[in-house]
Amino acid sequence: MRDKRVPGAKVGGMDLEQLTITPAHLSLLEEPWMQPLAVLALDEATAASDLHLPACPLIGVGPSRHPLADQVDVLLEIGADLPVLAQAILAQPHAATALVQVLRVSERMSAMDALNVESMAYAMLQGSAGHARWKNARIAGPGSAAGRVGLSRQDDSLVITMDRAHAANAIDRPMRDGLREALTLAAIDPGLRKVVLEAHGKAFSVGADLDEFGTTDDPATAHAIRMTTLPARAAIACADRLEARIDGACVGAGLELAAFARRIVATPRSWFQLPELTMGIIPGAGGCVSVSRRIGRQRAALLMLSGRRIGARQALAWGLIDAIMDELAVDEGGGDIG
């Protein structure tokens, strides 16, 4: 990489210079870029017409005001951040490539259509060697009681509560189905003016229950199941009335679902992460749609490719959440009908 802030940097045995692409290579007339990652030094690039993005992630390093800055997958204004991001991409190159391709095309689609694209890419990666390596290396947990979803209604407000605190609200099948049913109920009830999504315990959700990964062997079948069971579809249908209240860890599928809400509030101790790339997959609970539409394609790609955690203040600055509150409001009325 020519950026003087990362002299001689190597990633995965490769010098970053080998991963540097020029605007000429982004022409439709050039040979395909064969590396798993492309780095464009914006301070050395001039605007070009007929840009053709490589299949792999394109990382731009340089000022956001550059004419090409909005076309890259991730924009880094400081080159020193590049080696860590590149290492994460090179560890799971097929998943990284699928991710940026989904993000590129889905921003021009309706949310529902974009969910279909996300699910198909996710299904493909479920059958990949990268995901198989992660599954084979993982040690299964001891198991825990199934999750449940509580419902509490008062007048024109409905509170949906994830209740699996003993497992940090990891979303298993019963909880997934409960969330879909609750959000569907909210979507079809015109008398509800406010729908709140919250959780019991010290974590909002650590994401999907990892012990359930790989229980459906056929990727096509897994895609078909997601088309009928994904809570995200119902969340979209009531998104204009939905508020998510976050306290503690908000990871993976938990963040993906919450990001559909019109308003998200979080406590100062909350933190957010999308670690799916390390598993050889991409966010598959709607996050490629919800998160990218909240914070933009480039920041979503950075969050997903790096797997980094961000705190509440960073999330607020990015627009991932709308407010930080020391204490989340508690609905004291209504009875539990879940």
Protein backbone atom coordinates (compact mmCIF):
# COMPACT_ATOMS: atom_id res chain seq x y z
CA MET A 1 0.00 0.00 0.00
CA ARG A 2 1.47 3.37 -0.98
CA ASP A 3 -0.17 5.17 1.95
CA LYS A 4 2.82 6.24 4.08
CA ARG A 5 0.83 5.59 7.24
CA VAL A 6 1.08 1.83 6.74
CA PRO A 7 4.61 1.30 5.36
CA GLY A 8 5.54 -2.26 4.54
CA ALA A 9 2.36 -3.68 6.03
CA LYS A 10 1.70 -7.34 5.34
CA VAL A 11 -1.57 -9.21 5.70
CA GLY A 12 -1.91 -12.97 5.40
CA GLY A 13 1.60 -13.18 3.97
CA MET A 14 0.78 -10.59 1.30
CA ASP A 15 2.21 -7.10 1.01
CA LEU A 16 -0.60 -4.57 0.86
CA GLU A 17 0.95 -3.31 -2.37
CA GLN A 18 -0.27 -6.54 -4.01
CA LEU A 19 -3.83 -5.64 -3.03
CA THR A 20 -3.71 -2.08 -4.36
CA ILE A 21 -5.88 -1.42 -7.40
CA THR A 22 -5.74 1.56 -9.76
CA PRO A 23 -8.61 3.37 -11.47
CA ALA A 24 -7.45 1.80 -14.72
CA HIS A 25 -8.23 -1.64 -13.30
CA LEU A 26 -11.74 -0.41 -12.54
CA SER A 27 -12.41 0.05 -16.23
CA LEU A 28 -14.75 -2.39 -17.94
CA LEU A 29 -12.01 -3.02 -20.48
CA GLU A 30 -9.40 -4.26 -18.01
CA GLU A 31 -8.71 -7.84 -16.98
CA PRO A 32 -10.74 -9.08 -13.97
CA TRP A 33 -9.17 -8.37 -10.58
CA MET A 34 -8.19 -11.77 -9.16
CA GLN A 35 -7.22 -10.86 -5.61
CA PRO A 36 -9.69 -11.41 -2.72
CA LEU A 37 -9.48 -7.73 -1.76
CA ALA A 38 -8.84 -4.48 -3.59
CA VAL A 39 -7.48 -1.29 -2.02
CA LEU A 40 -7.85 2.04 -3.80
CA ALA A 41 -5.64 4.92 -2.64
CA LEU A 42 -8.01 7.81 -3.26
CA ASP A 43 -5.36 10.49 -2.86
CA GLU A 44 -3.60 9.01 -5.89
CA ALA A 45 -6.72 8.32 -7.97
CA THR A 46 -8.49 10.57 -10.43
CA ALA A 47 -12.18 10.26 -11.23
CA ALA A 48 -12.87 7.84 -14.05
CA SER A 49 -15.93 6.95 -16.08
CA ASP A 50 -17.32 3.45 -16.65
CA LEU A 51 -16.20 2.15 -13.27
CA HIS A 52 -16.58 -1.58 -12.84
CA LEU A 53 -16.28 -2.67 -9.23
CA PRO A 54 -14.32 -5.86 -8.61
CA ALA A 55 -16.26 -8.83 -7.30
CA CYS A 56 -14.33 -8.63 -4.03
CA PRO A 57 -14.51 -5.88 -1.40
CA LEU A 58 -13.15 -2.53 -2.62
CA ILE A 59 -11.62 -0.53 0.23
CA GLY A 60 -10.99 3.15 -0.38
CA VAL A 61 -8.34 4.96 1.68
CA GLY A 62 -8.49 8.72 1.60
CA PRO A 63 -10.76 11.73 1.97
CA SER A 64 -14.54 11.37 1.88
CA ARG A 65 -14.75 14.35 -0.48
CA HIS A 66 -13.00 12.45 -3.28
CA PRO A 67 -15.24 11.90 -6.36
CA LEU A 68 -14.82 8.13 -6.11
CA ALA A 69 -15.33 7.89 -2.34
CA ASP A 70 -19.03 7.04 -2.49
CA GLN A 71 -18.44 4.13 -4.89
CA VAL A 72 -16.13 2.01 -2.71
CA ASP A 73 -17.49 -0.63 -0.34
CA VAL A 74 -15.68 0.73 2.72
CA LEU A 75 -14.10 4.15 3.14
CA LEU A 76 -11.15 4.51 5.51
CA GLU A 77 -9.82 8.01 6.03
CA ILE A 78 -6.87 6.64 8.04
CA GLY A 79 -4.73 4.02 6.33
CA ALA A 80 -3.57 2.57 9.64
CA ASP A 81 -7.00 0.92 10.02
CA LEU A 82 -6.47 -1.11 6.86
CA PRO A 83 -4.36 -4.11 8.01
CA VAL A 84 -6.88 -5.26 10.63
CA LEU A 85 -9.79 -4.97 8.20
CA ALA A 86 -7.85 -6.72 5.45
CA GLN A 87 -6.95 -9.59 7.78
CA ALA A 88 -10.62 -10.18 8.58
CA ILE A 89 -11.53 -10.19 4.90
CA LEU A 90 -8.71 -12.54 3.89
CA ALA A 91 -9.70 -14.99 6.64
CA GLN A 92 -13.14 -15.48 4.99
CA PRO A 93 -12.80 -14.13 1.43
CA HIS A 94 -15.86 -15.83 -0.08
CA ALA A 95 -18.17 -14.56 2.64
CA ALA A 96 -16.67 -11.08 2.37
CA THR A 97 -17.23 -11.04 -1.38
CA ALA A 98 -20.82 -12.23 -1.03
CA LEU A 99 -21.47 -9.59 1.60
CA VAL A 100 -20.40 -6.58 -0.45
CA GLN A 101 -22.25 -7.88 -3.49
CA VAL A 102 -25.46 -8.17 -1.46
CA LEU A 103 -25.01 -4.67 -0.04
CA ARG A 104 -24.35 -3.20 -3.48
CA VAL A 105 -27.48 -4.55 -5.13
CA SER A 106 -29.88 -4.43 -2.19
CA GLU A 107 -29.71 -0.66 -1.66
CA ARG A 108 -31.62 -0.25 -4.94
CA MET A 109 -34.33 -2.77 -3.99
CA SER A 110 -37.38 -2.74 -1.79
CA ALA A 111 -36.70 -4.05 1.70
CA MET A 112 -38.69 -7.22 1.04
CA ASP A 113 -36.83 -8.00 -2.19
CA ALA A 114 -33.51 -7.26 -0.50
CA LEU A 115 -34.33 -9.83 2.19
CA ASN A 116 -34.66 -12.45 -0.54
CA VAL A 117 -31.22 -11.62 -1.91
CA GLU A 118 -29.68 -11.70 1.56
CA SER A 119 -31.24 -15.08 2.29
CA MET A 120 -30.02 -16.64 -0.96
CA ALA A 121 -26.46 -15.45 -0.34
CA TYR A 122 -26.66 -16.67 3.25
CA ALA A 123 -27.90 -20.08 2.07
CA MET A 124 -25.03 -20.35 -0.40
CA LEU A 125 -22.50 -19.63 2.34
CA GLN A 126 -24.10 -22.21 4.65
CA GLY A 127 -22.72 -24.80 2.25
CA SER A 128 -19.27 -23.21 2.00
CA ALA A 129 -15.95 -24.58 3.19
CA GLY A 130 -15.41 -21.46 5.29
CA HIS A 131 -18.58 -22.03 7.29
CA ALA A 132 -17.82 -25.75 7.60
CA ARG A 133 -14.43 -24.94 9.16
CA TRP A 134 -16.11 -22.72 11.72
CA LYS A 135 -18.71 -25.37 12.59
CA ASN A 136 -16.08 -28.09 12.91
CA ALA A 137 -13.92 -25.97 15.21
CA ARG A 138 -16.75 -24.85 17.45
CA ILE A 139 -17.48 -26.67 20.71
CA ALA A 140 -21.21 -27.00 21.32
CA GLY A 141 -22.64 -25.37 24.42
CA PRO A 142 -24.34 -27.23 27.28
CA GLY A 143 -27.80 -26.30 26.05
CA SER A 144 -30.43 -24.33 27.91
CA ALA A 145 -34.17 -23.92 28.23
CA ALA A 146 -36.06 -22.66 25.22
CA GLY A 147 -36.75 -18.98 24.84
CA ARG A 148 -40.13 -17.34 24.99
CA VAL A 149 -41.64 -14.05 23.96
CA GLY A 150 -43.89 -12.10 26.30
CA LEU A 151 -46.61 -9.70 25.15
CA SER A 152 -48.08 -6.91 27.22
CA ARG A 153 -50.73 -4.52 25.90
CA GLN A 154 -52.08 -1.30 27.35
CA ASP A 155 -54.53 0.71 25.26
CA ASP A 156 -52.84 1.33 21.91
CA SER A 157 -49.35 0.15 22.93
CA LEU A 158 -47.85 -3.34 22.71
CA VAL A 159 -44.63 -4.41 24.43
CA ILE A 160 -42.82 -7.44 23.00
CA THR A 161 -40.26 -8.90 25.41
CA MET A 162 -37.58 -11.45 24.59
CA ASP A 163 -37.30 -13.70 27.63
CA ARG A 164 -34.29 -16.00 27.65
CA ALA A 165 -32.07 -14.12 30.06
CA HIS A 166 -30.25 -17.28 31.21
CA ALA A 167 -28.85 -17.56 27.66
CA ALA A 168 -28.30 -13.82 27.15
CA ASN A 169 -31.42 -13.87 24.97
CA ALA A 170 -29.84 -15.99 22.26
CA ILE A 171 -32.57 -16.39 19.67
CA ASP A 172 -33.55 -20.04 19.27
CA ARG A 173 -36.39 -21.40 17.13
CA PRO A 174 -39.14 -20.90 19.75
CA MET A 175 -38.08 -17.30 20.29
CA ARG A 176 -37.74 -16.66 16.55
CA ASP A 177 -41.23 -17.99 15.94
CA GLY A 178 -42.59 -16.03 18.89
CA LEU A 179 -41.06 -12.82 17.56
CA ARG A 180 -42.51 -13.40 14.11
CA GLU A 181 -45.97 -14.07 15.54
CA ALA A 182 -45.84 -11.04 17.84
CA LEU A 183 -44.65 -8.68 15.12
CA THR A 184 -47.24 -10.07 12.71
CA LEU A 185 -49.93 -9.39 15.31
CA ALA A 186 -48.67 -5.84 15.61
CA ALA A 187 -48.57 -5.36 11.85
CA ILE A 188 -52.18 -6.41 11.27
CA ASP A 189 -53.68 -4.53 14.23
CA PRO A 190 -54.51 -0.96 13.14
CA GLY A 191 -55.41 -0.08 16.72
CA LEU A 192 -51.78 -0.28 17.82
CA ARG A 193 -49.98 3.03 17.58
CA LYS A 194 -46.77 1.96 19.33
CA VAL A 195 -44.90 -1.35 19.41
CA VAL A 196 -41.92 -1.76 21.74
CA LEU A 197 -39.28 -4.48 21.41
CA GLU A 198 -37.25 -5.09 24.57
CA ALA A 199 -35.59 -7.91 26.51
CA HIS A 200 -35.27 -9.28 30.03
CA GLY A 201 -31.81 -9.64 31.54
CA LYS A 202 -28.41 -8.03 31.19
CA ALA A 203 -28.23 -8.43 27.40
CA PHE A 204 -30.68 -7.39 24.73
CA SER A 205 -29.57 -10.38 22.62
CA VAL A 206 -26.31 -12.09 21.73
CA GLY A 207 -27.79 -13.13 18.40
CA ALA A 208 -28.93 -16.43 17.00
CA ASP A 209 -28.45 -19.56 19.11
CA LEU A 210 -25.19 -20.97 17.73
CA ASP A 211 -26.12 -24.51 18.77
CA GLU A 212 -28.83 -24.46 16.09
CA PHE A 213 -26.42 -23.59 13.28
CA GLY A 214 -26.14 -26.36 10.72
CA THR A 215 -29.24 -28.27 11.82
CA THR A 216 -30.65 -27.90 8.29
CA ASP A 217 -28.14 -29.46 5.92
CA ASP A 218 -29.63 -28.38 2.59
CA PRO A 219 -29.06 -24.67 1.81
CA ALA A 220 -32.11 -24.51 -0.47
CA THR A 221 -34.31 -25.86 2.29
CA ALA A 222 -32.81 -23.40 4.76
CA HIS A 223 -33.61 -20.54 2.37
CA ALA A 224 -37.19 -21.75 2.01
CA ILE A 225 -37.56 -21.89 5.80
CA ARG A 226 -36.29 -18.33 6.19
CA MET A 227 -38.82 -17.12 3.64
CA THR A 228 -41.65 -18.15 5.96
CA THR A 229 -40.18 -17.80 9.46
CA LEU A 230 -37.98 -14.69 9.42
CA PRO A 231 -39.27 -12.09 11.92
CA ALA A 232 -37.76 -9.35 9.75
CA ARG A 233 -40.66 -9.44 7.30
CA ALA A 234 -43.19 -8.71 10.00
CA ALA A 235 -40.87 -6.06 11.48
CA ILE A 236 -40.85 -4.24 8.15
CA ALA A 237 -44.64 -4.26 8.10
CA CYS A 238 -44.86 -2.44 11.45
CA ALA A 239 -41.53 -0.58 11.35
CA ASP A 240 -43.13 2.87 11.42
CA ARG A 241 -44.60 2.09 14.87
CA LEU A 242 -41.71 0.02 16.22
CA GLU A 243 -39.31 1.15 18.94
CA ALA A 244 -36.39 -1.00 20.14
CA ARG A 245 -35.01 -0.54 23.65
CA ILE A 246 -31.46 -1.85 23.99
CA ASP A 247 -29.57 -2.62 27.19
CA GLY A 248 -26.27 -4.47 27.12
CA ALA A 249 -25.06 -6.67 24.28
CA CYS A 250 -26.87 -6.26 20.97
CA VAL A 251 -25.27 -8.77 18.64
CA GLY A 252 -26.02 -10.49 15.35
CA ALA A 253 -29.68 -11.33 14.79
CA GLY A 254 -30.68 -9.20 17.78
CA LEU A 255 -29.18 -6.10 16.20
CA GLU A 256 -30.46 -7.03 12.76
CA LEU A 257 -34.05 -7.18 13.98
CA ALA A 258 -33.83 -4.08 16.16
CA ALA A 259 -32.42 -2.02 13.29
CA PHE A 260 -35.75 -2.21 11.45
CA ALA A 261 -37.35 -0.07 14.17
CA ARG A 262 -38.23 3.54 13.46
CA ARG A 263 -36.61 4.49 16.77
CA ILE A 264 -33.88 2.79 18.78
CA VAL A 265 -32.84 3.87 22.27
CA ALA A 266 -29.99 2.32 24.25
CA THR A 267 -28.34 2.56 27.64
CA PRO A 268 -24.76 3.88 27.90
CA ARG A 269 -23.40 0.38 28.60
CA SER A 270 -24.89 -1.08 25.42
CA TRP A 271 -22.65 -2.32 22.66
CA PHE A 272 -23.23 -3.58 19.13
CA GLN A 273 -21.56 -6.18 16.92
CA LEU A 274 -22.11 -8.21 13.75
CA PRO A 275 -19.59 -11.11 13.94
CA GLU A 276 -21.01 -13.35 11.21
CA LEU A 277 -18.06 -13.02 8.81
CA THR A 278 -15.81 -14.91 11.25
CA MET A 279 -18.26 -17.82 10.88
CA GLY A 280 -17.97 -17.81 7.10
CA ILE A 281 -21.44 -16.33 6.59
CA ILE A 282 -23.13 -12.93 6.40
CA PRO A 283 -25.90 -11.43 8.53
CA GLY A 284 -28.94 -13.53 7.65
CA ALA A 285 -31.71 -12.19 9.88
CA GLY A 286 -32.24 -9.06 7.81
CA GLY A 287 -29.16 -7.09 8.83
CA CYS A 288 -27.87 -6.52 5.31
CA VAL A 289 -31.12 -4.62 4.79
CA SER A 290 -31.87 -3.02 8.16
CA VAL A 291 -28.39 -1.97 9.25
CA SER A 292 -27.32 -0.64 5.85
CA ARG A 293 -30.47 1.47 5.61
CA ARG A 294 -29.80 2.92 9.03
CA ILE A 295 -26.12 3.78 8.73
CA GLY A 296 -25.42 3.52 5.01
CA ARG A 297 -23.82 0.83 2.90
CA GLN A 298 -20.20 1.75 3.65
CA ARG A 299 -20.47 1.86 7.42
CA ALA A 300 -22.58 -1.30 7.39
CA ALA A 301 -19.86 -3.03 5.37
CA LEU A 302 -17.20 -1.82 7.80
CA LEU A 303 -19.17 -3.13 10.78
CA MET A 304 -19.84 -6.48 9.11
CA LEU A 305 -16.43 -7.06 7.52
CA SER A 306 -14.43 -6.07 10.59
CA GLY A 307 -16.68 -7.72 13.18
CA ARG A 308 -15.71 -4.87 15.51
CA ARG A 309 -17.73 -3.89 18.56
CA ILE A 310 -18.95 -0.33 18.85
CA GLY A 311 -20.29 1.33 21.96
CA ALA A 312 -23.43 3.38 22.40
CA ARG A 313 -21.73 6.70 21.65
CA GLN A 314 -20.29 5.45 18.38
CA ALA A 315 -23.64 3.88 17.48
CA LEU A 316 -25.34 7.22 18.12
CA ALA A 317 -22.79 9.11 16.03
CA TRP A 318 -23.35 6.70 13.13
CA GLY A 319 -27.14 6.77 13.41
CA LEU A 320 -27.41 3.13 14.40
CA ILE A 321 -29.36 4.27 17.46
CA ASP A 322 -31.38 7.45 18.00
CA ALA A 323 -30.80 8.21 21.67
CA ILE A 324 -28.85 7.15 24.76
CA MET A 325 -30.83 6.92 27.99
CA ASP A 326 -29.53 6.05 31.44
CA GLU A 327 -32.71 4.11 32.19
CA LEU A 328 -35.11 2.68 29.66
CA ALA A 329 -38.79 3.36 30.19
CA VAL A 330 -40.76 0.46 31.61
CA ASP A 331 -44.35 -0.18 30.61
CA GLU A 332 -46.19 -0.79 33.87
CA GLY A 333 -49.64 -1.43 32.48
CA GLY A 334 -51.30 -4.35 30.79
CA GLY A 335 -51.10 -8.03 31.41
CA ASP A 336 -48.77 -10.67 30.02
CA ILE A 337 -50.58 -12.37 27.16
CA GLY A 338 -47.55 -14.23 25.80
